[in-house]
Each structure stands twice: as structure tokens, then as C-alpha cells.
Amino acid sequence: MSKTVTLRLDEDVYRRFKSLAKDDNRPLSNFIETAALRFVEEHLHADEFEMDDIRGDKQLNDSLHRGIADAKAGRRYARMLCLGSRSGGDLGWVNAVDELYVLGDDSEVAG
């Protein structure tokens, strides 16, 4: 069964959505529902090809399994990312792989 939701929109956003819904020849509520569902499908859901890539990435899967084991054991981590420059001062690429440090209970870096 459908549910009713109250939504507050800025006037400009409302006019834009209303115009787009009219161009698509459908009600505003249907336009907003469809747009929200598309966003979820495109941005919050991995399709079958992405899942194949994820499942086939041994390094990623090993890292995920270690992370799950560490989380279950109550270990905490801080990730340090080192950035480098391509030429002069442009930060254009990652120069070094991140380094992982285990944080103790007193939040001291323990190597």
C-alpha cells in the first residue's frame, strides 16, 4: 500500500522538479519517487559487473576479511595517506601507498 510523505522543497527546486515532471507527462510525486529510486540503484547498489570485479579482487577480499576479523577482535586503525606532486606543487597523484597504524587504547601510534 502506498504511503504519504510530506516533503519540504526550496521554491527553485520545486519549480524545477515540477517542470521536469510536466515534460515527462507524469505527476510530481511519481517524478520524485522515480528519481529517488534511480539514485539508489545507481549510487548505492553494486550491479553484477561491479560485484564480479569485487569478488575477483583477491587483495581487496583479503583486506576485507582481515578488517572483519580485526573489528570482531576490537582492534582500531588509523589510515595515513601520503600525497605527492607530479611537478612543482600540483597535488595530482598519490605518491605512496597508505600506511596502516594500529591505535592502542590510549590512541598512541603503535607501529
Foldseek 3Di string as FASTA:
>chain_A
DDDDDDDDDDPVVVVVLCVVCVVVPHDSVVSVVVVVVVCCCVPVDDDPVSVVVCVPPPVNVVVVVVVVVCVVVVWDKDKDFAFDAPDDPHRDDGDDDIDIFTADPVRDTDD
